[in-house]
Amino acid sequence: MSVVMRPRPGMGDGEGSLQVHLDPASRIDGARVFAIYGKGGIGKSTTSSNLSVAFSRIGKRVLQIGCDPKHDSTFTLTKRLAPTVIDALEAVDFHADELRREDFVFEGYGGVLCVEAGGPPAGTGCGGYVVGQTVKLLKEHHLLDETDIVIFDVLGDVVCGGFASPLLHADRGLVVAANDFDSIFAMNRIVAAIKTKEKNYPVRLGGVIVNRSAGTDQVERFNRATGMKTLAHFPDLDAIRRSRLKKATLFEMEETPEVLAAQAEYIRLATSLWEGTETVEASSLKDREIFDLLGFD
């Protein structure tokens, strides 16, 4: 087993809190690893998949891991709802040594390798265990040996010990947010979670990707107050909405000026992430401070 749950008092994760901790043997070596978080429904999977293709366009070997029981992270890449790691394990009665690569790894558009970790049934189990088992299987099948980029696309804005576990593997934690109160409120909580993990793990906060927004004024107000940094901005394009309906990435849509501009922004983002971004030294706000900052009485 690659992750364990245990109380860890006085170690920065919260006094007596129950946390997922990383087995050193499960650390991902040799690849740049990004964990992408954000408010549920904000477009993390769309952003992750388009970013994966952008990385492949600049010549990188990419693996995208969906960390959501809905297992819909990679469907615009694979054109279907791929079976999950949990599905594959159940099929062999959890005898992991009987699994073949093709049972849980699928090649998607642009050569992106796709894995859906899945999750335990609602109200049971731990998402962190599933992520840990997924990474363990990938290492056992040597699928990480020739990978340049790993992207974890993580369920909603959940940052409990289980679904925060991708942060244990990541070099950078990224946030997807819109220019509105709800997603900025969620971003503030995610910033706090990432900064907490920084105390004990190599992960560092990378910044925010502004998605589905005409402007960025509210996000920039938050950035000024906290030290957060905007990495990229994608407007609310109908072509992006339609791409999901077509089971396609943005890079497969008709090349209108708007689509070409968004593609170029994804390529720019991928290039900057590959070349290396500075650690963002942000500090989260108290809930009341968020209300005051964004103009609520």
C-alpha atoms as a PDB file:
ATOM      1  CA  MET A   1       0.000   0.000   0.000  1.00  0.00           C
ATOM      2  CA  SER A   2       1.390   3.386  -0.938  1.00  0.00           C
ATOM      3  CA  VAL A   3      -0.478   5.680   1.416  1.00  0.00           C
ATOM      4  CA  VAL A   4      -1.463   5.323   5.040  1.00  0.00           C
ATOM      5  CA  MET A   5      -3.932   7.166   7.243  1.00  0.00           C
ATOM      6  CA  ARG A   6      -2.906   8.028  10.760  1.00  0.00           C
ATOM      7  CA  PRO A   7      -3.070  10.842  13.298  1.00  0.00           C
ATOM      8  CA  ARG A   8      -0.093  13.129  13.059  1.00  0.00           C
ATOM      9  CA  PRO A   9      -0.209  15.626  15.914  1.00  0.00           C
ATOM     10  CA  GLY A  10       2.018  18.647  15.876  1.00  0.00           C
ATOM     11  CA  MET A  11       3.283  18.163  12.305  1.00  0.00           C
ATOM     12  CA  GLY A  12       1.548  21.053  10.548  1.00  0.00           C
ATOM     13  CA  ASP A  13      -1.470  19.211   9.173  1.00  0.00           C
ATOM     14  CA  GLY A  14      -3.539  20.012  12.235  1.00  0.00           C
ATOM     15  CA  GLU A  15      -3.395  18.770  15.812  1.00  0.00           C
ATOM     16  CA  GLY A  16      -4.583  15.164  15.888  1.00  0.00           C
ATOM     17  CA  SER A  17      -5.853  15.347  12.313  1.00  0.00           C
ATOM     18  CA  LEU A  18      -6.241  12.210  10.220  1.00  0.00           C
ATOM     19  CA  GLN A  19      -4.110  12.604   7.117  1.00  0.00           C
ATOM     20  CA  VAL A  20      -2.811  10.670   4.150  1.00  0.00           C
ATOM     21  CA  HIS A  21       0.976  10.301   4.209  1.00  0.00           C
ATOM     22  CA  LEU A  22       3.243   9.267   1.392  1.00  0.00           C
ATOM     23  CA  ASP A  23       5.280   6.092   1.301  1.00  0.00           C
ATOM     24  CA  PRO A  24       8.671   7.293  -0.031  1.00  0.00           C
ATOM     25  CA  ALA A  25       8.686   4.371  -2.478  1.00  0.00           C
ATOM     26  CA  SER A  26       5.592   5.840  -4.146  1.00  0.00           C
ATOM     27  CA  ARG A  27       7.154   9.198  -4.954  1.00  0.00           C
ATOM     28  CA  ILE A  28       6.975  10.086  -8.649  1.00  0.00           C
ATOM     29  CA  ASP A  29      10.501  10.745  -9.911  1.00  0.00           C
ATOM     30  CA  GLY A  30      11.602  12.174 -13.243  1.00  0.00           C
ATOM     31  CA  ALA A  31       8.339  13.851 -14.317  1.00  0.00           C
ATOM     32  CA  ARG A  32       6.890  17.279 -13.618  1.00  0.00           C
ATOM     33  CA  VAL A  33       3.744  16.694 -11.585  1.00  0.00           C
ATOM     34  CA  PHE A  34       0.820  19.125 -11.351  1.00  0.00           C
ATOM     35  CA  ALA A  35      -2.275  18.725  -9.142  1.00  0.00           C
ATOM     36  CA  ILE A  36      -5.227  20.806 -10.344  1.00  0.00           C
ATOM     37  CA  TYR A  37      -7.965  21.880  -7.920  1.00  0.00           C
ATOM     38  CA  GLY A  38     -10.933  24.244  -8.009  1.00  0.00           C
ATOM     39  CA  LYS A  39     -14.603  24.668  -7.230  1.00  0.00           C
ATOM     40  CA  GLY A  40     -16.814  21.876  -8.535  1.00  0.00           C
ATOM     41  CA  GLY A  41     -18.080  22.607 -12.044  1.00  0.00           C
ATOM     42  CA  ILE A  42     -15.534  25.326 -12.761  1.00  0.00           C
ATOM     43  CA  GLY A  43     -13.984  23.444 -15.681  1.00  0.00           C
ATOM     44  CA  LYS A  44     -11.027  21.611 -14.147  1.00  0.00           C
ATOM     45  CA  SER A  45     -11.358  18.575 -16.391  1.00  0.00           C
ATOM     46  CA  THR A  46     -11.704  20.713 -19.515  1.00  0.00           C
ATOM     47  CA  THR A  47      -8.703  22.764 -18.444  1.00  0.00           C
ATOM     48  CA  SER A  48      -6.671  19.681 -17.514  1.00  0.00           C
ATOM     49  CA  SER A  49      -7.393  17.907 -20.805  1.00  0.00           C
ATOM     50  CA  ASN A  50      -6.640  20.957 -22.940  1.00  0.00           C
ATOM     51  CA  LEU A  51      -3.457  21.561 -20.963  1.00  0.00           C
ATOM     52  CA  SER A  52      -2.452  17.924 -21.474  1.00  0.00           C
ATOM     53  CA  VAL A  53      -2.839  18.339 -25.237  1.00  0.00           C
ATOM     54  CA  ALA A  54      -0.888  21.603 -25.101  1.00  0.00           C
ATOM     55  CA  PHE A  55       1.974  19.796 -23.367  1.00  0.00           C
ATOM     56  CA  SER A  56       1.874  17.106 -26.060  1.00  0.00           C
ATOM     57  CA  ARG A  57       1.961  19.827 -28.746  1.00  0.00           C
ATOM     58  CA  ILE A  58       5.280  21.061 -27.348  1.00  0.00           C
ATOM     59  CA  GLY A  59       6.688  17.553 -27.506  1.00  0.00           C
ATOM     60  CA  LYS A  60       6.111  16.271 -23.984  1.00  0.00           C
ATOM     61  CA  ARG A  61       4.926  12.800 -22.962  1.00  0.00           C
ATOM     62  CA  VAL A  62       1.835  13.319 -20.838  1.00  0.00           C
ATOM     63  CA  LEU A  63      -0.150  11.228 -18.360  1.00  0.00           C
ATOM     64  CA  GLN A  64      -3.453  12.597 -17.037  1.00  0.00           C
ATOM     65  CA  ILE A  65      -4.958  11.010 -13.923  1.00  0.00           C
ATOM     66  CA  GLY A  66      -8.598  11.716 -13.117  1.00  0.00           C
ATOM     67  CA  CYS A  67      -9.273  11.650  -9.370  1.00  0.00           C
ATOM     68  CA  ASP A  68     -13.064  11.689  -9.209  1.00  0.00           C
ATOM     69  CA  PRO A  69     -15.583   8.850  -8.776  1.00  0.00           C
ATOM     70  CA  LYS A  70     -17.467  10.282 -11.804  1.00  0.00           C
ATOM     71  CA  HIS A  71     -14.434   9.218 -13.905  1.00  0.00           C
ATOM     72  CA  ASP A  72     -15.100  11.892 -16.547  1.00  0.00           C
ATOM     73  CA  SER A  73     -11.758  13.704 -16.435  1.00  0.00           C
ATOM     74  CA  THR A  74     -10.377  12.215 -19.640  1.00  0.00           C
ATOM     75  CA  PHE A  75     -13.444  11.603 -21.793  1.00  0.00           C
ATOM     76  CA  THR A  76     -12.672  14.445 -24.220  1.00  0.00           C
ATOM     77  CA  LEU A  77      -9.307  12.766 -24.766  1.00  0.00           C
ATOM     78  CA  THR A  78     -10.476   9.133 -24.986  1.00  0.00           C
ATOM     79  CA  LYS A  79     -13.970   9.901 -26.400  1.00  0.00           C
ATOM     80  CA  ARG A  80     -15.577   7.676 -23.774  1.00  0.00           C
ATOM     81  CA  LEU A  81     -15.919   7.155 -20.035  1.00  0.00           C
ATOM     82  CA  ALA A  82     -12.872   5.002 -19.415  1.00  0.00           C
ATOM     83  CA  PRO A  83     -12.999   2.190 -16.836  1.00  0.00           C
ATOM     84  CA  THR A  84     -11.427   3.180 -13.538  1.00  0.00           C
ATOM     85  CA  VAL A  85      -8.548   1.647 -11.632  1.00  0.00           C
ATOM     86  CA  ILE A  86     -11.115   0.480  -9.078  1.00  0.00           C
ATOM     87  CA  ASP A  87     -13.122  -1.186 -11.890  1.00  0.00           C
ATOM     88  CA  ALA A  88      -9.984  -2.941 -13.103  1.00  0.00           C
ATOM     89  CA  LEU A  89      -9.042  -4.106  -9.614  1.00  0.00           C
ATOM     90  CA  GLU A  90     -12.553  -5.393  -8.932  1.00  0.00           C
ATOM     91  CA  ALA A  91     -12.411  -7.427 -12.159  1.00  0.00           C
ATOM     92  CA  VAL A  92      -9.406  -9.368 -10.821  1.00  0.00           C
ATOM     93  CA  ASP A  93     -10.698  -9.561  -7.248  1.00  0.00           C
ATOM     94  CA  PHE A  94      -8.111  -6.948  -6.230  1.00  0.00           C
ATOM     95  CA  HIS A  95      -5.172  -9.144  -7.267  1.00  0.00           C
ATOM     96  CA  ALA A  96      -3.201  -6.231  -8.694  1.00  0.00           C
ATOM     97  CA  ASP A  97      -0.480  -8.500 -10.085  1.00  0.00           C
ATOM     98  CA  GLU A  98      -3.025  -9.853 -12.593  1.00  0.00           C
ATOM     99  CA  LEU A  99      -3.665  -6.450 -14.165  1.00  0.00           C
ATOM    100  CA  ARG A 100      -2.318  -5.572 -17.586  1.00  0.00           C
ATOM    101  CA  ARG A 101      -1.466  -2.045 -18.677  1.00  0.00           C
ATOM    102  CA  GLU A 102      -4.372  -1.963 -21.136  1.00  0.00           C
ATOM    103  CA  ASP A 103      -6.817  -2.729 -18.314  1.00  0.00           C
ATOM    104  CA  PHE A 104      -6.482   0.740 -16.808  1.00  0.00           C
ATOM    105  CA  VAL A 105      -4.363   2.963 -19.104  1.00  0.00           C
ATOM    106  CA  PHE A 106      -5.839   4.338 -22.325  1.00  0.00           C
ATOM    107  CA  GLU A 107      -4.241   6.473 -25.019  1.00  0.00           C
ATOM    108  CA  GLY A 108      -6.198   9.592 -25.875  1.00  0.00           C
ATOM    109  CA  TYR A 109      -6.024  12.433 -28.348  1.00  0.00           C
ATOM    110  CA  GLY A 110      -2.527  13.738 -28.997  1.00  0.00           C
ATOM    111  CA  GLY A 111      -0.976  10.617 -27.518  1.00  0.00           C
ATOM    112  CA  VAL A 112      -1.927  11.631 -23.979  1.00  0.00           C
ATOM    113  CA  LEU A 113      -2.053   8.602 -21.674  1.00  0.00           C
ATOM    114  CA  CYS A 114      -5.222   8.594 -19.585  1.00  0.00           C
ATOM    115  CA  VAL A 115      -6.040   6.954 -16.264  1.00  0.00           C
ATOM    116  CA  GLU A 116      -9.232   7.303 -14.237  1.00  0.00           C
ATOM    117  CA  ALA A 117      -8.488   6.485 -10.617  1.00  0.00           C
ATOM    118  CA  GLY A 118     -12.167   6.508  -9.719  1.00  0.00           C
ATOM    119  CA  GLY A 119     -13.095   6.359  -6.084  1.00  0.00           C
ATOM    120  CA  PRO A 120     -14.835   4.359  -3.389  1.00  0.00           C
ATOM    121  CA  PRO A 121     -18.647   4.186  -3.282  1.00  0.00           C
ATOM    122  CA  ALA A 122     -20.318   7.282  -1.847  1.00  0.00           C
ATOM    123  CA  GLY A 123     -19.901   7.499   1.913  1.00  0.00           C
ATOM    124  CA  THR A 124     -17.269   4.767   2.105  1.00  0.00           C
ATOM    125  CA  GLY A 125     -13.526   4.380   1.815  1.00  0.00           C
ATOM    126  CA  CYS A 126     -10.839   6.972   1.150  1.00  0.00           C
ATOM    127  CA  GLY A 127     -10.024   8.765  -2.087  1.00  0.00           C
ATOM    128  CA  GLY A 128      -6.421   8.998  -0.986  1.00  0.00           C
ATOM    129  CA  TYR A 129      -6.107   5.218  -0.935  1.00  0.00           C
ATOM    130  CA  VAL A 130      -7.375   5.062  -4.529  1.00  0.00           C
ATOM    131  CA  VAL A 131      -4.865   7.684  -5.699  1.00  0.00           C
ATOM    132  CA  GLY A 132      -2.083   5.845  -3.889  1.00  0.00           C
ATOM    133  CA  GLN A 133      -2.985   2.516  -5.478  1.00  0.00           C
ATOM    134  CA  THR A 134      -3.134   4.171  -8.895  1.00  0.00           C
ATOM    135  CA  VAL A 135       0.376   5.588  -8.574  1.00  0.00           C
ATOM    136  CA  LYS A 136       1.618   2.242  -7.256  1.00  0.00           C
ATOM    137  CA  LEU A 137       0.207   0.430 -10.307  1.00  0.00           C
ATOM    138  CA  LEU A 138       1.707   2.985 -12.685  1.00  0.00           C
ATOM    139  CA  LYS A 139       5.115   2.487 -11.111  1.00  0.00           C
ATOM    140  CA  GLU A 140       4.824  -1.309 -11.158  1.00  0.00           C
ATOM    141  CA  HIS A 141       4.026  -1.203 -14.875  1.00  0.00           C
ATOM    142  CA  HIS A 142       6.887   1.273 -15.484  1.00  0.00           C
ATOM    143  CA  LEU A 143       4.469   3.774 -16.997  1.00  0.00           C
ATOM    144  CA  LEU A 144       6.117   6.702 -15.240  1.00  0.00           C
ATOM    145  CA  ASP A 145       9.614   5.896 -16.487  1.00  0.00           C
ATOM    146  CA  GLU A 146       9.136   7.666 -19.815  1.00  0.00           C
ATOM    147  CA  THR A 147       6.634  10.333 -18.808  1.00  0.00           C
ATOM    148  CA  ASP A 148       7.518  14.028 -18.819  1.00  0.00           C
ATOM    149  CA  ILE A 149       4.303  15.442 -17.369  1.00  0.00           C
ATOM    150  CA  VAL A 150       1.749  14.043 -14.908  1.00  0.00           C
ATOM    151  CA  ILE A 151      -1.483  15.963 -14.343  1.00  0.00           C
ATOM    152  CA  PHE A 152      -3.796  15.051 -11.460  1.00  0.00           C
ATOM    153  CA  ASP A 153      -7.318  16.375 -12.094  1.00  0.00           C
ATOM    154  CA  VAL A 154      -8.879  16.345  -8.640  1.00  0.00           C
ATOM    155  CA  LEU A 155     -12.532  16.159  -7.586  1.00  0.00           C
ATOM    156  CA  GLY A 156     -14.224  19.497  -6.837  1.00  0.00           C
ATOM    157  CA  ASP A 157     -12.851  21.733  -4.120  1.00  0.00           C
ATOM    158  CA  VAL A 158     -12.477  18.836  -1.668  1.00  0.00           C
ATOM    159  CA  VAL A 159      -9.207  19.215   0.209  1.00  0.00           C
ATOM    160  CA  CYS A 160      -9.687  16.595   2.928  1.00  0.00           C
ATOM    161  CA  GLY A 161      -6.799  14.298   3.750  1.00  0.00           C
ATOM    162  CA  GLY A 162      -7.897  11.814   1.076  1.00  0.00           C
ATOM    163  CA  PHE A 163      -8.425  14.006  -1.948  1.00  0.00           C
ATOM    164  CA  ALA A 164      -5.518  16.229  -0.948  1.00  0.00           C
ATOM    165  CA  SER A 165      -3.273  13.196  -1.507  1.00  0.00           C
ATOM    166  CA  PRO A 166      -2.282  14.223  -5.080  1.00  0.00           C
ATOM    167  CA  LEU A 167      -0.503  17.154  -3.431  1.00  0.00           C
ATOM    168  CA  LEU A 168       1.845  14.624  -1.835  1.00  0.00           C
ATOM    169  CA  HIS A 169       3.034  13.614  -5.313  1.00  0.00           C
ATOM    170  CA  ALA A 170       2.953  17.043  -6.983  1.00  0.00           C
ATOM    171  CA  ASP A 171       5.609  19.636  -7.696  1.00  0.00           C
ATOM    172  CA  ARG A 172       2.993  22.356  -8.124  1.00  0.00           C
ATOM    173  CA  GLY A 173      -0.583  22.768  -6.947  1.00  0.00           C
ATOM    174  CA  LEU A 174      -2.665  24.805  -9.409  1.00  0.00           C
ATOM    175  CA  VAL A 175      -6.127  26.293  -8.922  1.00  0.00           C
ATOM    176  CA  VAL A 176      -8.808  26.820 -11.573  1.00  0.00           C
ATOM    177  CA  ALA A 177     -11.186  29.658 -10.696  1.00  0.00           C
ATOM    178  CA  ALA A 178     -13.687  31.975 -12.345  1.00  0.00           C
ATOM    179  CA  ASN A 179     -13.955  35.698 -11.714  1.00  0.00           C
ATOM    180  CA  ASP A 180     -16.728  35.248  -9.144  1.00  0.00           C
ATOM    181  CA  PHE A 181     -17.191  34.990  -5.405  1.00  0.00           C
ATOM    182  CA  ASP A 182     -17.936  31.268  -5.085  1.00  0.00           C
ATOM    183  CA  SER A 183     -14.882  30.036  -6.954  1.00  0.00           C
ATOM    184  CA  ILE A 184     -12.602  32.606  -5.285  1.00  0.00           C
ATOM    185  CA  PHE A 185     -13.948  31.485  -1.900  1.00  0.00           C
ATOM    186  CA  ALA A 186     -13.086  27.878  -2.842  1.00  0.00           C
ATOM    187  CA  MET A 187      -9.681  28.988  -4.129  1.00  0.00           C
ATOM    188  CA  ASN A 188      -8.914  30.576  -0.773  1.00  0.00           C
ATOM    189  CA  ARG A 189      -9.531  27.237   0.980  1.00  0.00           C
ATOM    190  CA  ILE A 190      -7.393  25.395  -1.569  1.00  0.00           C
ATOM    191  CA  VAL A 191      -4.552  27.879  -1.122  1.00  0.00           C
ATOM    192  CA  ALA A 192      -4.664  27.168   2.621  1.00  0.00           C
ATOM    193  CA  ALA A 193      -4.537  23.399   1.998  1.00  0.00           C
ATOM    194  CA  ILE A 194      -1.600  23.624  -0.400  1.00  0.00           C
ATOM    195  CA  LYS A 195       0.355  25.901   1.934  1.00  0.00           C
ATOM    196  CA  THR A 196      -0.255  23.400   4.747  1.00  0.00           C
ATOM    197  CA  LYS A 197       1.128  20.529   2.649  1.00  0.00           C
ATOM    198  CA  GLU A 198       4.165  22.646   1.749  1.00  0.00           C
ATOM    199  CA  LYS A 199       5.336  22.324   5.351  1.00  0.00           C
ATOM    200  CA  ASN A 200       6.005  18.596   5.016  1.00  0.00           C
ATOM    201  CA  TYR A 201       6.136  17.843   1.272  1.00  0.00           C
ATOM    202  CA  PRO A 202       7.898  19.212  -1.846  1.00  0.00           C
ATOM    203  CA  VAL A 203       4.671  20.555  -3.401  1.00  0.00           C
ATOM    204  CA  ARG A 204       4.499  24.315  -3.917  1.00  0.00           C
ATOM    205  CA  LEU A 205       1.655  26.639  -4.876  1.00  0.00           C
ATOM    206  CA  GLY A 206       1.875  27.496  -8.580  1.00  0.00           C
ATOM    207  CA  GLY A 207      -0.936  29.997  -9.151  1.00  0.00           C
ATOM    208  CA  VAL A 208      -4.445  30.342 -10.562  1.00  0.00           C
ATOM    209  CA  ILE A 209      -5.819  29.638 -14.030  1.00  0.00           C
ATOM    210  CA  VAL A 210      -8.788  31.958 -14.598  1.00  0.00           C
ATOM    211  CA  ASN A 211     -11.448  30.090 -16.570  1.00  0.00           C
ATOM    212  CA  ARG A 212     -14.836  30.902 -18.146  1.00  0.00           C
ATOM    213  CA  SER A 213     -14.535  34.604 -17.334  1.00  0.00           C
ATOM    214  CA  ALA A 214     -14.665  37.763 -19.437  1.00  0.00           C
ATOM    215  CA  GLY A 215     -12.508  39.625 -16.934  1.00  0.00           C
ATOM    216  CA  THR A 216     -10.170  38.966 -14.040  1.00  0.00           C
ATOM    217  CA  ASP A 217     -10.741  41.990 -11.778  1.00  0.00           C
ATOM    218  CA  GLN A 218     -12.080  40.044  -8.774  1.00  0.00           C
ATOM    219  CA  VAL A 219      -9.364  37.402  -9.040  1.00  0.00           C
ATOM    220  CA  GLU A 220      -6.715  40.110  -9.282  1.00  0.00           C
ATOM    221  CA  ARG A 221      -8.163  41.772  -6.184  1.00  0.00           C
ATOM    222  CA  PHE A 222      -7.779  38.464  -4.358  1.00  0.00           C
ATOM    223  CA  ASN A 223      -4.255  38.103  -5.751  1.00  0.00           C
ATOM    224  CA  ARG A 224      -3.216  41.501  -4.425  1.00  0.00           C
ATOM    225  CA  ALA A 225      -4.596  40.680  -0.980  1.00  0.00           C
ATOM    226  CA  THR A 226      -3.004  37.232  -0.716  1.00  0.00           C
ATOM    227  CA  GLY A 227       0.046  37.141  -2.972  1.00  0.00           C
ATOM    228  CA  MET A 228      -1.598  34.719  -5.425  1.00  0.00           C
ATOM    229  CA  LYS A 229      -0.594  34.864  -9.114  1.00  0.00           C
ATOM    230  CA  THR A 230      -2.588  34.455 -12.336  1.00  0.00           C
ATOM    231  CA  LEU A 231      -0.971  31.985 -14.742  1.00  0.00           C
ATOM    232  CA  ALA A 232      -3.466  32.125 -17.621  1.00  0.00           C
ATOM    233  CA  HIS A 233      -6.904  33.456 -18.547  1.00  0.00           C
ATOM    234  CA  PHE A 234      -9.518  31.692 -20.678  1.00  0.00           C
ATOM    235  CA  PRO A 235     -12.753  33.523 -21.556  1.00  0.00           C
ATOM    236  CA  ASP A 236     -16.189  31.901 -21.543  1.00  0.00           C
ATOM    237  CA  LEU A 237     -16.136  30.587 -25.110  1.00  0.00           C
ATOM    238  CA  ASP A 238     -19.070  28.729 -26.623  1.00  0.00           C
ATOM    239  CA  ALA A 239     -16.553  26.600 -28.526  1.00  0.00           C
ATOM    240  CA  ILE A 240     -15.200  25.250 -25.236  1.00  0.00           C
ATOM    241  CA  ARG A 241     -18.727  24.392 -24.052  1.00  0.00           C
ATOM    242  CA  ARG A 242     -19.460  22.675 -27.382  1.00  0.00           C
ATOM    243  CA  SER A 243     -16.188  20.765 -27.253  1.00  0.00           C
ATOM    244  CA  ARG A 244     -17.424  18.905 -24.169  1.00  0.00           C
ATOM    245  CA  LEU A 245     -20.648  18.019 -25.980  1.00  0.00           C
ATOM    246  CA  LYS A 246     -18.619  16.747 -28.928  1.00  0.00           C
ATOM    247  CA  LYS A 247     -16.310  14.702 -26.663  1.00  0.00           C
ATOM    248  CA  ALA A 248     -13.441  16.750 -28.045  1.00  0.00           C
ATOM    249  CA  THR A 249     -10.646  18.964 -26.826  1.00  0.00           C
ATOM    250  CA  LEU A 250     -10.358  22.608 -27.807  1.00  0.00           C
ATOM    251  CA  PHE A 251      -7.566  21.616 -30.190  1.00  0.00           C
ATOM    252  CA  GLU A 252     -10.044  19.623 -32.298  1.00  0.00           C
ATOM    253  CA  MET A 253     -12.565  22.434 -32.764  1.00  0.00           C
ATOM    254  CA  GLU A 254     -12.985  24.641 -35.833  1.00  0.00           C
ATOM    255  CA  GLU A 255     -10.116  27.101 -35.856  1.00  0.00           C
ATOM    256  CA  THR A 256     -11.922  30.403 -35.420  1.00  0.00           C
ATOM    257  CA  PRO A 257      -9.912  33.421 -34.196  1.00  0.00           C
ATOM    258  CA  GLU A 258     -11.264  32.906 -30.660  1.00  0.00           C
ATOM    259  CA  VAL A 259     -10.371  29.213 -30.639  1.00  0.00           C
ATOM    260  CA  LEU A 260      -6.893  29.876 -32.023  1.00  0.00           C
ATOM    261  CA  ALA A 261      -6.325  32.513 -29.329  1.00  0.00           C
ATOM    262  CA  ALA A 262      -7.372  30.067 -26.591  1.00  0.00           C
ATOM    263  CA  GLN A 263      -5.175  27.330 -28.073  1.00  0.00           C
ATOM    264  CA  ALA A 264      -2.236  29.744 -28.084  1.00  0.00           C
ATOM    265  CA  GLU A 265      -2.896  30.601 -24.432  1.00  0.00           C
ATOM    266  CA  TYR A 266      -2.833  26.903 -23.522  1.00  0.00           C
ATOM    267  CA  ILE A 267       0.443  26.448 -25.407  1.00  0.00           C
ATOM    268  CA  ARG A 268       1.883  29.492 -23.620  1.00  0.00           C
ATOM    269  CA  LEU A 269       0.743  28.095 -20.247  1.00  0.00           C
ATOM    270  CA  ALA A 270       2.212  24.653 -20.955  1.00  0.00           C
ATOM    271  CA  THR A 271       5.502  26.187 -22.056  1.00  0.00           C
ATOM    272  CA  SER A 272       5.772  28.382 -18.967  1.00  0.00           C
ATOM    273  CA  LEU A 273       4.947  25.474 -16.636  1.00  0.00           C
ATOM    274  CA  TRP A 274       7.525  23.284 -18.334  1.00  0.00           C
ATOM    275  CA  GLU A 275      10.207  25.964 -18.155  1.00  0.00           C
ATOM    276  CA  GLY A 276       9.437  26.416 -14.465  1.00  0.00           C
ATOM    277  CA  THR A 277       7.346  28.849 -12.480  1.00  0.00           C
ATOM    278  CA  GLU A 278       8.352  30.548  -9.274  1.00  0.00           C
ATOM    279  CA  THR A 279       6.748  29.403  -6.051  1.00  0.00           C
ATOM    280  CA  VAL A 280       3.787  31.600  -5.125  1.00  0.00           C
ATOM    281  CA  GLU A 281       4.128  32.816  -1.547  1.00  0.00           C
ATOM    282  CA  ALA A 282       0.427  33.399  -0.918  1.00  0.00           C
ATOM    283  CA  SER A 283      -1.436  33.475   2.386  1.00  0.00           C
ATOM    284  CA  SER A 284      -5.105  32.542   2.605  1.00  0.00           C
ATOM    285  CA  LEU A 285      -7.657  34.925   4.098  1.00  0.00           C
ATOM    286  CA  LYS A 286     -10.191  34.309   6.825  1.00  0.00           C
ATOM    287  CA  ASP A 287     -13.709  33.684   5.544  1.00  0.00           C
ATOM    288  CA  ARG A 288     -14.962  37.061   6.770  1.00  0.00           C
ATOM    289  CA  GLU A 289     -12.059  38.784   5.031  1.00  0.00           C
ATOM    290  CA  ILE A 290     -13.118  37.239   1.716  1.00  0.00           C
ATOM    291  CA  PHE A 291     -16.626  38.665   2.143  1.00  0.00           C
ATOM    292  CA  ASP A 292     -15.222  42.082   2.975  1.00  0.00           C
ATOM    293  CA  LEU A 293     -12.692  41.988   0.142  1.00  0.00           C
ATOM    294  CA  LEU A 294     -15.235  41.212  -2.561  1.00  0.00           C
ATOM    295  CA  GLY A 295     -17.719  43.831  -1.428  1.00  0.00           C
ATOM    296  CA  PHE A 296     -20.172  41.888   0.726  1.00  0.00           C
ATOM    297  CA  ASP A 297     -21.706  43.630   3.752  1.00  0.00           C
END
